[in-house]
Amino acid sequence: MSIVWSPGVRDSAITGLGVLLRRPEWRDSDAGEDITAAVTAALDDTNPLVRMHAARMVTALHPGVSAAELAAKIGQRAFTETNRVVCAGLIDQLSSTVRDDATAVDTVLEQLLETDTSILAAAVNDDLGTSLMALLTYLACVPQTPFAARTIHRWCEQAPQYPATATAFARHSRNYLAAHGTTEQQRAFQLLGLAAQACLKRWTSNRAEHLTGADLPPEQLAELRGAAQVAHEISQQIYFASGAFDHTQGREPAPLAALASFGELAFPVLSTCTKLHDPQTIHHAVETMVFLAGLDESRALQAIAAAIPPRNTYAHDGLAGTLVIDYLQRLLTEQRSLVLDDSHGIAAFRHLLQTFAAAGNQQALALAYTFADVFR
């Protein structure tokens, strides 16, 4: 029997009663007990749509209780709820108590996730998975509560084995990555750096796995794909958090000077991600590095050169060529001493130009014709 998720009389009635329950003049009136009883009963209704509407009112059922007690009551409901959408609504209500008692919420999540270890494995990106990951990410990055911090650390430390949850964490960490100058920014980058290192270690552990025609068992193939997936997601989320995408869309990003701490944290993580040599990962990393180059032009040039290996398919992409060659031309105009007088700068510039020229990029070939004159 399928569930019909359409408005009905009973669920609309519960919504209305919940609105009344939030108003002290109704909650404390003679009708208050009856309203509370009706909403409470709706939490156990056989129709999940009715339960979903009732779940949104669960905090109004317990006015005046402590955050810890409220978190425990919501947790008790979540433990027995069988519908993932309804359970997601309860977790969203649990989130409303997190700033008042993060430890209590952490305890509830520990009980919930250890009672049902498949709750995230089932669907990390559905309503329930999204609500849980958002809450876990907050707890791990901001108050750094024991269970959330331990769980996210494990997923990052073993990212190739936990690609779904590690990727979801990277996605939910974007706002913390952009929280400039805060401990949560440092913590988010630390965890993503741990995940990136785990992915690189797995990716480079056995060269034979990458040979053409290698017949890999499903477990090995899944880990390699997981490593590439997580590294790509990390580079993408750092790109968005940096403001580079906003800049391409004509929106005003944060002043470059305000991104100094971001740059210090981002460059090492991005450099690790690019060592898997995935073209999409490289592109997000290079876009971010170019955007942040003004913070430290020498650092950016070295990092971009290291991110793009010779004979990688990335150099054959038109967008990549436009991005990198435009960057090199800007350096020739604005940072001549870096590419004319600095031996490391010259080597990095030459590597990038040769890589794209060898790939047949017309801009690179045109610039290469003047290369000897420029570096006389």
Protein backbone atom coordinates (compact mmCIF):
# COMPACT_ATOMS: atom_id res chain seq x y z
CA MET A 1 0.00 0.00 0.00
CA SER A 2 1.54 3.29 -1.08
CA ILE A 3 1.60 6.43 1.05
CA VAL A 4 -0.37 9.36 -0.30
CA TRP A 5 1.49 12.57 0.54
CA SER A 6 -1.34 15.00 -0.14
CA PRO A 7 -3.08 17.47 2.19
CA GLY A 8 -5.98 16.02 4.11
CA VAL A 9 -8.37 16.96 6.88
CA ARG A 10 -6.48 15.36 9.77
CA ASP A 11 -3.00 16.58 8.89
CA SER A 12 -4.31 20.09 8.23
CA ALA A 13 -6.10 19.95 11.58
CA ILE A 14 -2.88 18.97 13.37
CA THR A 15 -1.07 21.89 11.75
CA GLY A 16 -3.76 24.24 13.01
CA LEU A 17 -3.71 22.77 16.50
CA GLY A 18 0.07 23.08 16.57
CA VAL A 19 -0.18 26.77 15.75
CA LEU A 20 -2.60 27.20 18.67
CA LEU A 21 -0.30 25.20 20.93
CA ARG A 22 2.52 27.65 20.30
CA ARG A 23 0.36 30.51 21.58
CA PRO A 24 0.41 30.80 25.40
CA GLU A 25 -3.17 32.09 25.53
CA TRP A 26 -4.38 28.83 23.93
CA ARG A 27 -1.88 26.47 25.56
CA ASP A 28 -2.81 27.77 29.03
CA SER A 29 -6.53 27.92 28.36
CA ASP A 30 -9.16 25.35 29.28
CA ALA A 31 -8.69 23.83 25.83
CA GLY A 32 -4.91 23.50 26.29
CA GLU A 33 -4.96 19.93 27.58
CA ASP A 34 -7.18 18.73 24.75
CA ILE A 35 -4.99 20.44 22.14
CA THR A 36 -1.84 18.92 23.66
CA ALA A 37 -3.46 15.48 23.77
CA ALA A 38 -4.51 15.69 20.12
CA VAL A 39 -1.06 16.70 18.87
CA THR A 40 0.62 14.07 21.06
CA ALA A 41 -1.71 11.38 19.71
CA ALA A 42 -0.93 12.49 16.17
CA LEU A 43 2.73 11.55 16.73
CA ASP A 44 1.55 7.93 16.85
CA ASP A 45 -0.97 8.18 14.01
CA THR A 46 -0.93 5.39 11.42
CA ASN A 47 -0.70 7.96 8.62
CA PRO A 48 2.91 9.21 8.23
CA LEU A 49 1.70 12.52 6.80
CA VAL A 50 -0.17 13.23 10.02
CA ARG A 51 2.91 12.24 12.02
CA MET A 52 5.06 14.50 9.87
CA HIS A 53 2.92 17.54 10.68
CA ALA A 54 2.85 16.59 14.35
CA ALA A 55 6.65 16.22 14.39
CA ARG A 56 6.99 19.87 13.43
CA MET A 57 5.10 20.77 16.62
CA VAL A 58 7.02 18.53 19.02
CA THR A 59 8.87 21.39 20.73
CA ALA A 60 5.57 23.13 21.47
CA LEU A 61 4.43 20.03 23.37
CA HIS A 62 7.09 20.58 26.02
CA PRO A 63 7.22 24.26 26.94
CA GLY A 64 9.56 25.26 29.73
CA VAL A 65 11.60 22.05 29.83
CA SER A 66 15.39 22.18 29.66
CA ALA A 67 17.16 21.76 26.34
CA ALA A 68 18.60 18.44 27.53
CA GLU A 69 15.18 17.10 28.48
CA LEU A 70 13.64 18.30 25.24
CA ALA A 71 16.44 16.69 23.23
CA ALA A 72 15.86 13.40 25.06
CA LYS A 73 12.11 13.50 24.39
CA ILE A 74 12.64 14.18 20.70
CA GLY A 75 15.23 11.42 20.61
CA GLN A 76 12.78 8.92 22.08
CA ARG A 77 10.37 9.72 19.27
CA ALA A 78 13.08 9.43 16.63
CA PHE A 79 14.16 6.00 17.93
CA THR A 80 10.73 4.51 17.27
CA GLU A 81 9.77 6.41 14.10
CA THR A 82 9.77 4.13 11.05
CA ASN A 83 9.26 6.70 8.30
CA ARG A 84 12.44 8.50 7.21
CA VAL A 85 10.66 11.72 6.23
CA VAL A 86 8.93 11.96 9.60
CA CYS A 87 12.18 11.13 11.38
CA ALA A 88 13.89 13.92 9.43
CA GLY A 89 11.29 16.33 10.81
CA LEU A 90 12.13 15.19 14.32
CA ILE A 91 15.86 15.67 13.71
CA ASP A 92 15.15 19.17 12.43
CA GLN A 93 13.35 19.87 15.70
CA LEU A 94 16.29 18.40 17.58
CA SER A 95 18.53 20.89 15.78
CA SER A 96 16.59 23.74 17.37
CA THR A 97 17.97 22.71 20.78
CA VAL A 98 21.61 22.33 19.73
CA ARG A 99 22.79 25.83 20.64
CA ASP A 100 21.33 25.49 24.13
CA ASP A 101 22.78 22.04 24.89
CA ALA A 102 25.03 20.61 22.19
CA THR A 103 26.19 17.76 24.43
CA ALA A 104 22.63 16.52 24.93
CA VAL A 105 22.01 16.54 21.18
CA ASP A 106 25.31 14.73 20.62
CA THR A 107 24.18 12.03 23.05
CA VAL A 108 20.85 11.61 21.26
CA LEU A 109 22.60 11.22 17.89
CA GLU A 110 25.00 8.68 19.34
CA GLN A 111 22.11 6.59 20.64
CA LEU A 112 20.19 6.91 17.38
CA LEU A 113 23.05 6.10 15.01
CA GLU A 114 24.46 3.28 17.12
CA THR A 115 21.00 1.76 17.54
CA ASP A 116 20.46 1.75 13.77
CA THR A 117 23.85 1.66 12.07
CA SER A 118 22.25 1.58 8.62
CA ILE A 119 20.36 4.85 9.02
CA LEU A 120 22.89 6.84 6.98
CA ALA A 121 24.11 4.00 4.79
CA ALA A 122 20.56 3.65 3.48
CA ALA A 123 20.42 7.12 1.92
CA VAL A 124 22.80 9.80 3.05
CA ASN A 125 21.27 12.41 0.74
CA ASP A 126 17.57 11.97 1.44
CA ASP A 127 15.68 14.16 3.92
CA LEU A 128 16.80 12.22 6.97
CA GLY A 129 20.39 11.78 5.81
CA THR A 130 20.65 15.48 5.02
CA SER A 131 19.27 16.52 8.41
CA LEU A 132 21.60 14.16 10.26
CA MET A 133 24.70 15.16 8.28
CA ALA A 134 23.99 18.86 8.73
CA LEU A 135 23.69 18.38 12.49
CA LEU A 136 26.74 16.12 12.76
CA THR A 137 28.82 18.58 10.74
CA TYR A 138 27.83 21.46 13.00
CA LEU A 139 28.60 19.47 16.14
CA ALA A 140 31.96 18.28 14.79
CA CYS A 141 33.11 21.70 13.58
CA VAL A 142 31.68 24.16 16.11
CA PRO A 143 31.24 22.76 19.65
CA GLN A 144 33.24 19.64 18.66
CA THR A 145 31.15 17.33 20.80
CA PRO A 146 32.60 13.85 21.44
CA PHE A 147 30.42 11.56 19.32
CA ALA A 148 30.11 13.85 16.29
CA ALA A 149 33.80 14.76 16.32
CA ARG A 150 34.81 11.11 16.67
CA THR A 151 32.43 9.95 13.95
CA ILE A 152 33.34 12.59 11.37
CA HIS A 153 37.04 12.07 12.11
CA ARG A 154 36.67 8.35 11.42
CA TRP A 155 34.83 8.95 8.17
CA CYS A 156 37.51 11.39 7.00
CA GLU A 157 40.42 9.25 8.18
CA GLN A 158 38.97 6.33 6.19
CA ALA A 159 37.36 8.37 3.42
CA PRO A 160 37.87 5.83 0.59
CA GLN A 161 35.95 3.28 2.69
CA TYR A 162 33.23 5.81 3.62
CA PRO A 163 32.84 7.85 0.42
CA ALA A 164 29.13 8.64 0.85
CA THR A 165 29.41 10.09 4.34
CA ALA A 166 32.81 11.72 3.73
CA THR A 167 31.44 13.39 0.60
CA ALA A 168 28.31 14.50 2.46
CA PHE A 169 30.47 15.98 5.21
CA ALA A 170 32.51 17.93 2.65
CA ARG A 171 29.31 19.31 1.14
CA HIS A 172 27.85 20.34 4.51
CA SER A 173 31.15 21.88 5.63
CA ARG A 174 31.07 24.68 3.04
CA ASN A 175 29.71 27.36 5.37
CA TYR A 176 32.31 26.51 8.00
CA LEU A 177 35.09 26.68 5.41
CA ALA A 178 33.96 30.24 4.68
CA ALA A 179 33.76 31.25 8.37
CA HIS A 180 36.93 33.30 8.06
CA GLY A 181 39.26 33.43 11.04
CA THR A 182 37.21 31.09 13.24
CA THR A 183 37.98 27.82 14.98
CA GLU A 184 35.23 26.12 12.99
CA GLN A 185 36.99 27.10 9.76
CA GLN A 186 40.23 25.59 11.02
CA ARG A 187 38.45 22.44 12.15
CA ALA A 188 36.62 21.98 8.84
CA PHE A 189 39.84 22.35 6.86
CA GLN A 190 41.64 20.00 9.25
CA LEU A 191 39.05 17.28 8.70
CA LEU A 192 38.96 17.76 4.93
CA GLY A 193 42.76 17.69 4.88
CA LEU A 194 42.64 14.38 6.71
CA ALA A 195 40.17 13.02 4.15
CA ALA A 196 42.27 14.28 1.23
CA GLN A 197 45.39 12.61 2.62
CA ALA A 198 43.48 9.35 3.10
CA CYS A 199 42.29 9.49 -0.51
CA LEU A 200 45.79 10.16 -1.84
CA LYS A 201 47.28 7.37 0.24
CA ARG A 202 44.73 4.88 -1.08
CA TRP A 203 45.04 6.13 -4.67
CA THR A 204 48.84 5.74 -4.73
CA SER A 205 49.13 2.56 -2.65
CA ASN A 206 49.42 0.23 -5.65
CA ARG A 207 50.43 1.46 -9.09
CA ALA A 208 49.33 -1.80 -10.67
CA GLU A 209 45.71 -0.91 -9.89
CA HIS A 210 45.87 1.92 -12.44
CA LEU A 211 47.30 -0.07 -15.33
CA THR A 212 45.12 -0.41 -18.40
CA GLY A 213 43.22 -3.67 -18.27
CA ALA A 214 43.74 -4.20 -14.54
CA ASP A 215 41.08 -6.63 -13.32
CA LEU A 216 40.20 -5.34 -9.86
CA PRO A 217 37.81 -6.96 -7.38
CA PRO A 218 34.71 -4.87 -6.56
CA GLU A 219 36.04 -3.85 -3.13
CA GLN A 220 39.24 -2.35 -4.55
CA LEU A 221 37.40 -0.64 -7.38
CA ALA A 222 34.90 0.86 -4.94
CA GLU A 223 37.69 2.25 -2.75
CA LEU A 224 39.49 3.83 -5.71
CA ARG A 225 36.27 5.37 -6.97
CA GLY A 226 35.51 6.52 -3.44
CA ALA A 227 38.90 8.20 -3.12
CA ALA A 228 38.40 10.06 -6.41
CA GLN A 229 34.84 11.03 -5.47
CA VAL A 230 35.80 12.46 -2.09
CA ALA A 231 38.82 14.37 -3.42
CA HIS A 232 36.67 15.91 -6.14
CA GLU A 233 33.98 16.96 -3.66
CA ILE A 234 36.56 18.55 -1.36
CA SER A 235 38.09 20.62 -4.17
CA GLN A 236 34.62 21.66 -5.34
CA GLN A 237 33.45 22.79 -1.90
CA ILE A 238 36.65 24.76 -1.27
CA TYR A 239 36.13 26.42 -4.65
CA PHE A 240 32.60 27.51 -3.73
CA ALA A 241 33.60 28.54 -0.20
CA SER A 242 36.43 30.71 -1.51
CA GLY A 243 34.09 33.03 -3.40
CA ALA A 244 35.68 32.15 -6.76
CA PHE A 245 32.35 31.01 -8.18
CA ASP A 246 30.59 34.17 -6.96
CA HIS A 247 33.28 36.18 -8.72
CA THR A 248 32.61 34.41 -12.04
CA GLN A 249 28.90 35.19 -11.64
CA GLY A 250 29.51 38.90 -11.15
CA ARG A 251 28.79 38.80 -7.43
CA GLU A 252 31.11 40.58 -5.06
CA PRO A 253 33.15 38.08 -3.00
CA ALA A 254 34.86 38.89 0.28
CA PRO A 255 37.82 41.30 -0.03
CA LEU A 256 40.96 39.40 -0.93
CA ALA A 257 42.71 40.53 2.24
CA ALA A 258 39.96 38.86 4.29
CA LEU A 259 40.79 35.53 2.62
CA ALA A 260 44.35 35.33 3.96
CA SER A 261 43.57 32.65 6.54
CA PHE A 262 41.40 30.82 4.00
CA GLY A 263 44.30 30.74 1.55
CA GLU A 264 46.73 29.41 4.15
CA LEU A 265 44.35 26.56 4.92
CA ALA A 266 43.09 25.89 1.39
CA PHE A 267 46.27 25.60 -0.67
CA PRO A 268 47.69 22.50 1.09
CA VAL A 269 44.37 20.64 0.93
CA LEU A 270 43.80 21.52 -2.72
CA SER A 271 47.34 20.47 -3.60
CA THR A 272 46.72 17.07 -2.00
CA CYS A 273 43.48 16.61 -3.94
CA THR A 274 45.12 17.38 -7.29
CA LYS A 275 47.67 14.62 -6.82
CA LEU A 276 44.99 12.10 -7.75
CA HIS A 277 45.24 13.66 -11.24
CA ASP A 278 41.49 13.76 -11.84
CA PRO A 279 40.81 16.55 -14.40
CA GLN A 280 37.63 17.85 -12.74
CA THR A 281 39.33 17.97 -9.35
CA ILE A 282 42.31 19.77 -10.85
CA HIS A 283 40.06 22.34 -12.51
CA HIS A 284 38.23 23.31 -9.30
CA ALA A 285 41.56 23.53 -7.49
CA VAL A 286 43.19 25.66 -10.18
CA GLU A 287 40.18 27.98 -10.40
CA THR A 288 40.46 28.54 -6.65
CA MET A 289 44.22 29.03 -6.77
CA VAL A 290 43.96 31.57 -9.58
CA PHE A 291 41.26 33.44 -7.66
CA LEU A 292 43.44 33.52 -4.52
CA ALA A 293 46.69 34.18 -6.36
CA GLY A 294 46.82 37.83 -5.29
CA LEU A 295 47.41 36.74 -1.69
CA ASP A 296 50.78 35.26 -2.64
CA GLU A 297 51.60 35.16 -6.34
CA SER A 298 54.64 32.93 -5.96
CA ARG A 299 52.76 30.39 -3.85
CA ALA A 300 49.92 30.29 -6.34
CA LEU A 301 52.17 29.85 -9.38
CA GLN A 302 54.06 26.98 -7.75
CA ALA A 303 50.84 25.30 -6.63
CA ILE A 304 49.15 25.63 -10.02
CA ALA A 305 52.20 24.21 -11.80
CA ALA A 306 52.32 21.28 -9.37
CA ALA A 307 48.58 20.67 -9.81
CA ILE A 308 48.79 20.15 -13.58
CA PRO A 309 50.98 17.20 -14.55
CA PRO A 310 52.34 16.85 -18.08
CA ARG A 311 50.40 14.64 -20.47
CA ASN A 312 47.24 14.81 -18.37
CA THR A 313 43.95 15.09 -20.26
CA TYR A 314 43.22 18.26 -18.29
CA ALA A 315 45.50 20.28 -20.59
CA HIS A 316 43.35 19.28 -23.60
CA ASP A 317 40.25 20.93 -22.16
CA GLY A 318 39.41 24.30 -23.70
CA LEU A 319 38.17 25.84 -20.46
CA ALA A 320 41.33 24.74 -18.69
CA GLY A 321 43.49 26.27 -21.38
CA THR A 322 41.66 29.59 -21.27
CA LEU A 323 41.91 29.73 -17.48
CA VAL A 324 45.61 28.91 -17.25
CA ILE A 325 46.93 30.81 -20.27
CA ASP A 326 44.99 33.93 -19.30
CA TYR A 327 46.58 33.58 -15.88
CA LEU A 328 50.06 33.27 -17.40
CA GLN A 329 49.49 36.33 -19.55
CA ARG A 330 48.42 38.28 -16.49
CA LEU A 331 51.64 37.27 -14.76
CA LEU A 332 53.67 38.53 -17.72
CA THR A 333 51.88 41.85 -17.45
CA GLU A 334 51.63 42.33 -13.69
CA GLN A 335 54.29 40.04 -12.15
CA ARG A 336 57.17 40.18 -14.60
CA SER A 337 59.86 39.81 -11.95
CA LEU A 338 58.28 36.56 -10.77
CA VAL A 339 58.47 34.97 -14.23
CA LEU A 340 61.61 36.72 -15.50
CA ASP A 341 63.96 36.82 -12.53
CA ASP A 342 62.85 34.10 -10.12
CA SER A 343 64.23 30.67 -11.01
CA HIS A 344 61.29 28.81 -9.42
CA GLY A 345 58.82 31.14 -11.10
CA ILE A 346 60.47 30.66 -14.48
CA ALA A 347 60.40 26.86 -14.11
CA ALA A 348 56.72 26.84 -13.10
CA PHE A 349 55.77 29.21 -15.92
CA ARG A 350 57.70 27.15 -18.47
CA HIS A 351 56.09 23.91 -17.27
CA LEU A 352 52.58 25.28 -17.63
CA LEU A 353 53.21 26.80 -21.02
CA GLN A 354 54.87 23.66 -22.38
CA THR A 355 52.11 21.43 -21.01
CA PHE A 356 49.33 23.35 -22.75
CA ALA A 357 51.33 23.93 -25.92
CA ALA A 358 52.03 20.20 -26.16
CA ALA A 359 48.27 19.61 -25.86
CA GLY A 360 47.73 21.81 -28.92
CA ASN A 361 46.25 24.81 -27.12
CA GLN A 362 46.37 27.70 -29.58
CA GLN A 363 46.79 30.39 -26.95
CA ALA A 364 49.71 28.50 -25.46
CA LEU A 365 51.30 27.96 -28.87
CA ALA A 366 51.00 31.66 -29.70
CA LEU A 367 52.57 32.61 -26.38
CA ALA A 368 55.32 30.02 -26.87
CA TYR A 369 56.43 31.77 -30.08
CA THR A 370 57.28 34.82 -28.00
CA PHE A 371 58.69 32.76 -25.14
CA ALA A 372 62.33 33.16 -26.17
CA ASP A 373 61.95 36.92 -26.58
CA VAL A 374 60.23 37.29 -23.24
CA PHE A 375 62.93 35.33 -21.41
CA ARG A 376 66.01 36.73 -23.12
